[in-house]
Structure formats: structure tokens, C-alpha cells
Amino acid sequence: MDFIFCRITLSLHFSNDILWTKHDVFLKKRVKINVITKKILNKRKENIMEKKIIISSEKIPAAIGPYSPAVKVGKLLFVSGQLPVEPESGDLVKGDIQKQTKQILENLTVLLDLYSLTLKNVVKTTVFLKNMNNFSEFNKAYAQYFTEEFPARSCVEVARLPKDAEIEIEAIAICD
């Protein structure tokens, strides 16, 4: 029997202390068959996965729903979308987009400081603007906080934000 062996790809899936290995094998006439091999792991799941640490503090605005303000996993800190909220009062900051952007970035700075991080540790931000016509003014305020080694960034216009805010910013930071 004449078999043609073209390629084997390997992907790992962790599920209940079991390592699933998937092999894609191409045989004669390029018929693809999947062979799945199951191996029991010697390590427990906790040793493979980093622990999730929920971050919350009175120094930052409280979450307004069933989510965490930030979650640390390994060397990454995932910051939920931040609204322009004054931490002491919980009220939305009134004013133009620059004032609101500055409040968000001040709140982000305080949150990062809980882990001795700065805005230089931020590697990605996602910005949600209620009105893309505010992009230029937003960018001016943003540039006052991120002055070098800029993080990657996405910016999208949305129809509506919680508390009818004009802007929301989420971030991912790397912990040293």
C-alpha cells in the first residue's frame, strides 16, 4: 500500500488534566484523517495554569456590574473598560472629551500603581468613543499620558456607553 505522508500538525488542548494531541495526517489520494491521542498529564492543572488575581481597591472606581476592575494572570494585567468616573464620589466627570480622557487615565495610573506599574507597562489599549468627531481632542489628552513607547491601540466609535459616558478605555499591561 502506497502512503503519502505530507504533514503532521500538533495542537495542545488542556482539559481536566488530560493533554489532547491532534495529528492531521494525509494519506493516499489526499484523504485527511484525524487521529486524536489522549495522554494523562503528570502535572496538576494548577501547575499549568497561572492563578487569576482579582484587583479591586477603594482608590479606583468600583465596578458598575458583575465584573472585576482588573484581573492579573501571570505577568499580564487586564484592566476592564474605565469610564471617566471620580473614584471618591462615583460620579461621571462632566466636561469635554479631554477632561474625561484625563480622568480615565488618572484612574488607570492609580490602578497600575497598586502593582507598582506605570503607563509604560501598558502594551495595549482599546478606546471606545461615543463620537469619532472627538478623536482629535481625545488624542491630544491621550498623548499627554503616553509620551514614548506607545502601546498598541484600537479606537472605535460606539452607539452608547454605560452611564452615557462619552469615552471608555480598557488596557492590558505587562508586569515586570
C-alpha atoms as a PDB file:
ATOM      1  CA  MET A   1       0.000   0.000   0.000  1.00  0.00           C
ATOM      2  CA  ASP A   2       1.467   3.330  -1.054  1.00  0.00           C
ATOM      3  CA  PHE A   3       1.010   6.001   1.659  1.00  0.00           C
ATOM      4  CA  ILE A   4       1.996   9.609   1.098  1.00  0.00           C
ATOM      5  CA  PHE A   5       2.889  11.317   4.347  1.00  0.00           C
ATOM      6  CA  CYS A   6       2.577  15.068   3.811  1.00  0.00           C
ATOM      7  CA  ARG A   7       2.263  16.801   7.139  1.00  0.00           C
ATOM      8  CA  ILE A   8       1.690  16.402  10.853  1.00  0.00           C
ATOM      9  CA  THR A   9       0.486  19.339  12.864  1.00  0.00           C
ATOM     10  CA  LEU A  10       0.272  19.337  16.619  1.00  0.00           C
ATOM     11  CA  SER A  11      -2.033  21.312  18.830  1.00  0.00           C
ATOM     12  CA  LEU A  12      -2.422  21.004  22.583  1.00  0.00           C
ATOM     13  CA  HIS A  13      -5.683  21.355  24.456  1.00  0.00           C
ATOM     14  CA  PHE A  14      -5.801  21.190  28.237  1.00  0.00           C
ATOM     15  CA  SER A  15      -8.966  19.788  29.742  1.00  0.00           C
ATOM     16  CA  ASN A  16      -9.340  18.181  33.165  1.00  0.00           C
ATOM     17  CA  ASP A  17      -5.687  17.144  33.490  1.00  0.00           C
ATOM     18  CA  ILE A  18      -5.735  15.498  30.071  1.00  0.00           C
ATOM     19  CA  LEU A  19      -3.492  16.529  27.217  1.00  0.00           C
ATOM     20  CA  TRP A  20      -5.171  16.120  23.844  1.00  0.00           C
ATOM     21  CA  THR A  21      -2.823  15.866  20.893  1.00  0.00           C
ATOM     22  CA  LYS A  22      -4.307  16.165  17.447  1.00  0.00           C
ATOM     23  CA  HIS A  23      -2.460  14.818  14.422  1.00  0.00           C
ATOM     24  CA  ASP A  24      -3.609  15.665  10.925  1.00  0.00           C
ATOM     25  CA  VAL A  25      -2.320  13.008   8.562  1.00  0.00           C
ATOM     26  CA  PHE A  26      -2.761  12.969   4.809  1.00  0.00           C
ATOM     27  CA  LEU A  27      -2.807   9.593   3.108  1.00  0.00           C
ATOM     28  CA  LYS A  28      -3.046   8.298  -0.442  1.00  0.00           C
ATOM     29  CA  LYS A  29      -5.375  10.408  -2.622  1.00  0.00           C
ATOM     30  CA  ARG A  30      -5.027  13.217  -0.063  1.00  0.00           C
ATOM     31  CA  VAL A  31      -7.692  11.810   2.229  1.00  0.00           C
ATOM     32  CA  LYS A  32      -7.404  13.523   5.591  1.00  0.00           C
ATOM     33  CA  ILE A  33      -7.906  11.546   8.770  1.00  0.00           C
ATOM     34  CA  ASN A  34      -7.735  12.852  12.305  1.00  0.00           C
ATOM     35  CA  VAL A  35      -6.013  10.812  14.938  1.00  0.00           C
ATOM     36  CA  ILE A  36      -6.526  12.004  18.486  1.00  0.00           C
ATOM     37  CA  THR A  37      -4.210  10.752  21.169  1.00  0.00           C
ATOM     38  CA  LYS A  38      -5.036  11.147  24.825  1.00  0.00           C
ATOM     39  CA  LYS A  39      -2.285  11.333  27.438  1.00  0.00           C
ATOM     40  CA  ILE A  40      -2.781  11.777  31.138  1.00  0.00           C
ATOM     41  CA  LEU A  41      -0.706  14.635  32.476  1.00  0.00           C
ATOM     42  CA  ASN A  42       1.594  14.111  35.408  1.00  0.00           C
ATOM     43  CA  LYS A  43       1.140  17.710  36.493  1.00  0.00           C
ATOM     44  CA  ARG A  44      -1.998  19.042  38.031  1.00  0.00           C
ATOM     45  CA  LYS A  45      -3.943  21.737  36.182  1.00  0.00           C
ATOM     46  CA  GLU A  46      -2.936  24.335  38.788  1.00  0.00           C
ATOM     47  CA  ASN A  47       0.720  23.870  37.841  1.00  0.00           C
ATOM     48  CA  ILE A  48      -0.040  24.521  34.178  1.00  0.00           C
ATOM     49  CA  MET A  49      -2.375  27.488  34.511  1.00  0.00           C
ATOM     50  CA  GLU A  50      -1.407  30.727  36.233  1.00  0.00           C
ATOM     51  CA  LYS A  51      -3.582  31.814  39.103  1.00  0.00           C
ATOM     52  CA  LYS A  52      -6.087  34.590  38.481  1.00  0.00           C
ATOM     53  CA  ILE A  53      -5.902  37.506  40.911  1.00  0.00           C
ATOM     54  CA  ILE A  54      -8.858  39.898  41.103  1.00  0.00           C
ATOM     55  CA  ILE A  55      -7.864  43.510  41.661  1.00  0.00           C
ATOM     56  CA  SER A  56     -10.099  45.934  43.464  1.00  0.00           C
ATOM     57  CA  SER A  57      -9.403  48.926  45.667  1.00  0.00           C
ATOM     58  CA  GLU A  58     -11.141  51.912  47.215  1.00  0.00           C
ATOM     59  CA  LYS A  59      -8.628  54.061  45.316  1.00  0.00           C
ATOM     60  CA  ILE A  60     -10.239  53.219  41.975  1.00  0.00           C
ATOM     61  CA  PRO A  61     -13.858  53.466  40.799  1.00  0.00           C
ATOM     62  CA  ALA A  62     -15.958  50.446  41.732  1.00  0.00           C
ATOM     63  CA  ALA A  63     -17.256  48.160  39.016  1.00  0.00           C
ATOM     64  CA  ILE A  64     -20.813  49.026  37.977  1.00  0.00           C
ATOM     65  CA  GLY A  65     -21.731  45.434  37.177  1.00  0.00           C
ATOM     66  CA  PRO A  66     -20.737  41.805  37.704  1.00  0.00           C
ATOM     67  CA  TYR A  67     -17.118  42.164  36.607  1.00  0.00           C
ATOM     68  CA  SER A  68     -13.725  42.966  38.119  1.00  0.00           C
ATOM     69  CA  PRO A  69     -11.972  46.304  37.593  1.00  0.00           C
ATOM     70  CA  ALA A  70      -8.827  44.357  36.735  1.00  0.00           C
ATOM     71  CA  VAL A  71      -7.522  40.801  36.683  1.00  0.00           C
ATOM     72  CA  LYS A  72      -3.874  39.754  36.932  1.00  0.00           C
ATOM     73  CA  VAL A  73      -2.863  36.461  35.333  1.00  0.00           C
ATOM     74  CA  GLY A  74       0.821  35.639  35.318  1.00  0.00           C
ATOM     75  CA  LYS A  75       2.703  38.665  34.036  1.00  0.00           C
ATOM     76  CA  LEU A  76      -0.343  40.261  32.418  1.00  0.00           C
ATOM     77  CA  LEU A  77      -2.783  42.712  33.949  1.00  0.00           C
ATOM     78  CA  PHE A  78      -6.127  43.013  32.155  1.00  0.00           C
ATOM     79  CA  VAL A  79      -7.920  46.264  33.006  1.00  0.00           C
ATOM     80  CA  SER A  80     -11.658  46.433  32.357  1.00  0.00           C
ATOM     81  CA  GLY A  81     -13.063  49.387  30.470  1.00  0.00           C
ATOM     82  CA  GLN A  82     -12.617  52.528  32.549  1.00  0.00           C
ATOM     83  CA  LEU A  83     -15.187  55.306  32.467  1.00  0.00           C
ATOM     84  CA  PRO A  84     -14.451  58.950  33.401  1.00  0.00           C
ATOM     85  CA  VAL A  85     -15.579  58.431  36.998  1.00  0.00           C
ATOM     86  CA  GLU A  86     -14.363  60.267  40.080  1.00  0.00           C
ATOM     87  CA  PRO A  87     -13.321  57.481  42.497  1.00  0.00           C
ATOM     88  CA  GLU A  88     -14.459  59.320  45.640  1.00  0.00           C
ATOM     89  CA  SER A  89     -17.985  60.152  44.530  1.00  0.00           C
ATOM     90  CA  GLY A  90     -18.584  57.560  41.820  1.00  0.00           C
ATOM     91  CA  ASP A  91     -19.966  60.334  39.611  1.00  0.00           C
ATOM     92  CA  LEU A  92     -19.246  60.680  35.932  1.00  0.00           C
ATOM     93  CA  VAL A  93     -16.939  63.617  35.177  1.00  0.00           C
ATOM     94  CA  LYS A  94     -18.755  66.355  33.284  1.00  0.00           C
ATOM     95  CA  GLY A  95     -16.929  68.297  30.616  1.00  0.00           C
ATOM     96  CA  ASP A  96     -15.273  67.865  27.264  1.00  0.00           C
ATOM     97  CA  ILE A  97     -13.596  64.735  25.925  1.00  0.00           C
ATOM     98  CA  GLN A  98     -10.148  65.893  27.063  1.00  0.00           C
ATOM     99  CA  LYS A  99     -11.269  66.253  30.673  1.00  0.00           C
ATOM    100  CA  GLN A 100     -12.954  62.846  30.561  1.00  0.00           C
ATOM    101  CA  THR A 101      -9.911  61.207  28.958  1.00  0.00           C
ATOM    102  CA  LYS A 102      -7.628  62.670  31.622  1.00  0.00           C
ATOM    103  CA  GLN A 103      -9.873  61.321  34.398  1.00  0.00           C
ATOM    104  CA  ILE A 104      -9.793  57.839  32.901  1.00  0.00           C
ATOM    105  CA  LEU A 105      -6.025  57.890  32.523  1.00  0.00           C
ATOM    106  CA  GLU A 106      -5.610  59.196  36.083  1.00  0.00           C
ATOM    107  CA  ASN A 107      -7.762  56.305  37.320  1.00  0.00           C
ATOM    108  CA  LEU A 108      -5.710  53.890  35.201  1.00  0.00           C
ATOM    109  CA  THR A 109      -2.490  55.306  36.656  1.00  0.00           C
ATOM    110  CA  VAL A 110      -3.774  54.719  40.215  1.00  0.00           C
ATOM    111  CA  LEU A 111      -4.858  51.183  39.345  1.00  0.00           C
ATOM    112  CA  LEU A 112      -1.467  50.365  37.816  1.00  0.00           C
ATOM    113  CA  ASP A 113       0.282  51.814  40.850  1.00  0.00           C
ATOM    114  CA  LEU A 114      -1.381  49.137  43.024  1.00  0.00           C
ATOM    115  CA  TYR A 115       1.136  46.740  41.415  1.00  0.00           C
ATOM    116  CA  SER A 116       3.973  49.277  41.174  1.00  0.00           C
ATOM    117  CA  LEU A 117       3.347  49.658  37.452  1.00  0.00           C
ATOM    118  CA  THR A 118       3.208  52.781  35.316  1.00  0.00           C
ATOM    119  CA  LEU A 119       1.690  53.676  31.963  1.00  0.00           C
ATOM    120  CA  LYS A 120       4.973  52.476  30.414  1.00  0.00           C
ATOM    121  CA  ASN A 121       3.859  48.922  31.303  1.00  0.00           C
ATOM    122  CA  VAL A 122       0.707  49.270  29.178  1.00  0.00           C
ATOM    123  CA  VAL A 123       1.079  47.269  25.956  1.00  0.00           C
ATOM    124  CA  LYS A 124      -2.443  47.629  24.513  1.00  0.00           C
ATOM    125  CA  THR A 125      -5.423  49.921  24.912  1.00  0.00           C
ATOM    126  CA  THR A 126      -8.849  49.811  23.368  1.00  0.00           C
ATOM    127  CA  VAL A 127     -10.720  53.102  23.205  1.00  0.00           C
ATOM    128  CA  PHE A 128     -14.473  53.377  22.751  1.00  0.00           C
ATOM    129  CA  LEU A 129     -15.662  56.827  21.657  1.00  0.00           C
ATOM    130  CA  LYS A 130     -19.310  57.788  21.508  1.00  0.00           C
ATOM    131  CA  ASN A 131     -18.483  60.299  18.768  1.00  0.00           C
ATOM    132  CA  MET A 132     -15.490  59.834  16.454  1.00  0.00           C
ATOM    133  CA  ASN A 133     -15.531  63.592  15.810  1.00  0.00           C
ATOM    134  CA  ASN A 134     -13.898  63.806  19.274  1.00  0.00           C
ATOM    135  CA  PHE A 135     -10.919  61.707  18.141  1.00  0.00           C
ATOM    136  CA  SER A 136      -8.544  64.626  17.625  1.00  0.00           C
ATOM    137  CA  GLU A 137      -9.284  66.172  21.036  1.00  0.00           C
ATOM    138  CA  PHE A 138      -9.109  62.758  22.712  1.00  0.00           C
ATOM    139  CA  ASN A 139      -5.729  62.126  21.057  1.00  0.00           C
ATOM    140  CA  LYS A 140      -4.308  65.374  22.497  1.00  0.00           C
ATOM    141  CA  ALA A 141      -5.182  64.331  26.063  1.00  0.00           C
ATOM    142  CA  TYR A 142      -4.027  60.729  25.470  1.00  0.00           C
ATOM    143  CA  ALA A 143      -0.653  61.982  24.174  1.00  0.00           C
ATOM    144  CA  GLN A 144      -0.048  63.825  27.467  1.00  0.00           C
ATOM    145  CA  TYR A 145      -0.039  60.466  29.293  1.00  0.00           C
ATOM    146  CA  PHE A 146       1.564  58.168  26.723  1.00  0.00           C
ATOM    147  CA  THR A 147       4.650  60.090  25.645  1.00  0.00           C
ATOM    148  CA  GLU A 148       7.012  57.368  24.427  1.00  0.00           C
ATOM    149  CA  GLU A 149       6.989  53.651  23.701  1.00  0.00           C
ATOM    150  CA  PHE A 150       3.320  53.952  22.794  1.00  0.00           C
ATOM    151  CA  PRO A 151       1.111  50.921  23.426  1.00  0.00           C
ATOM    152  CA  ALA A 152      -0.771  49.296  20.589  1.00  0.00           C
ATOM    153  CA  ARG A 153      -4.223  50.844  20.366  1.00  0.00           C
ATOM    154  CA  SER A 154      -7.605  50.307  18.791  1.00  0.00           C
ATOM    155  CA  CYS A 155     -10.204  53.069  18.704  1.00  0.00           C
ATOM    156  CA  VAL A 156     -13.804  52.525  17.693  1.00  0.00           C
ATOM    157  CA  GLU A 157     -16.981  54.560  17.695  1.00  0.00           C
ATOM    158  CA  VAL A 158     -19.882  53.048  19.611  1.00  0.00           C
ATOM    159  CA  ALA A 159     -23.562  53.941  19.816  1.00  0.00           C
ATOM    160  CA  ARG A 160     -23.723  54.081  23.582  1.00  0.00           C
ATOM    161  CA  LEU A 161     -21.605  53.508  26.694  1.00  0.00           C
ATOM    162  CA  PRO A 162     -22.505  52.736  30.326  1.00  0.00           C
ATOM    163  CA  LYS A 163     -23.719  55.777  32.283  1.00  0.00           C
ATOM    164  CA  ASP A 164     -23.957  57.536  28.890  1.00  0.00           C
ATOM    165  CA  ALA A 165     -20.233  58.297  29.053  1.00  0.00           C
ATOM    166  CA  GLU A 166     -18.518  59.811  26.022  1.00  0.00           C
ATOM    167  CA  ILE A 167     -15.453  57.546  26.301  1.00  0.00           C
ATOM    168  CA  GLU A 168     -14.269  54.257  27.776  1.00  0.00           C
ATOM    169  CA  ILE A 169     -10.710  52.881  27.775  1.00  0.00           C
ATOM    170  CA  GLU A 170      -9.571  49.330  28.560  1.00  0.00           C
ATOM    171  CA  ALA A 171      -5.939  48.279  28.838  1.00  0.00           C
ATOM    172  CA  ILE A 172      -3.531  45.384  29.062  1.00  0.00           C
ATOM    173  CA  ALA A 173      -0.274  45.874  30.953  1.00  0.00           C
ATOM    174  CA  ILE A 174       2.720  43.655  31.413  1.00  0.00           C
ATOM    175  CA  CYS A 175       4.088  43.180  34.922  1.00  0.00           C
ATOM    176  CA  ASP A 176       7.867  43.195  35.341  1.00  0.00           C
END
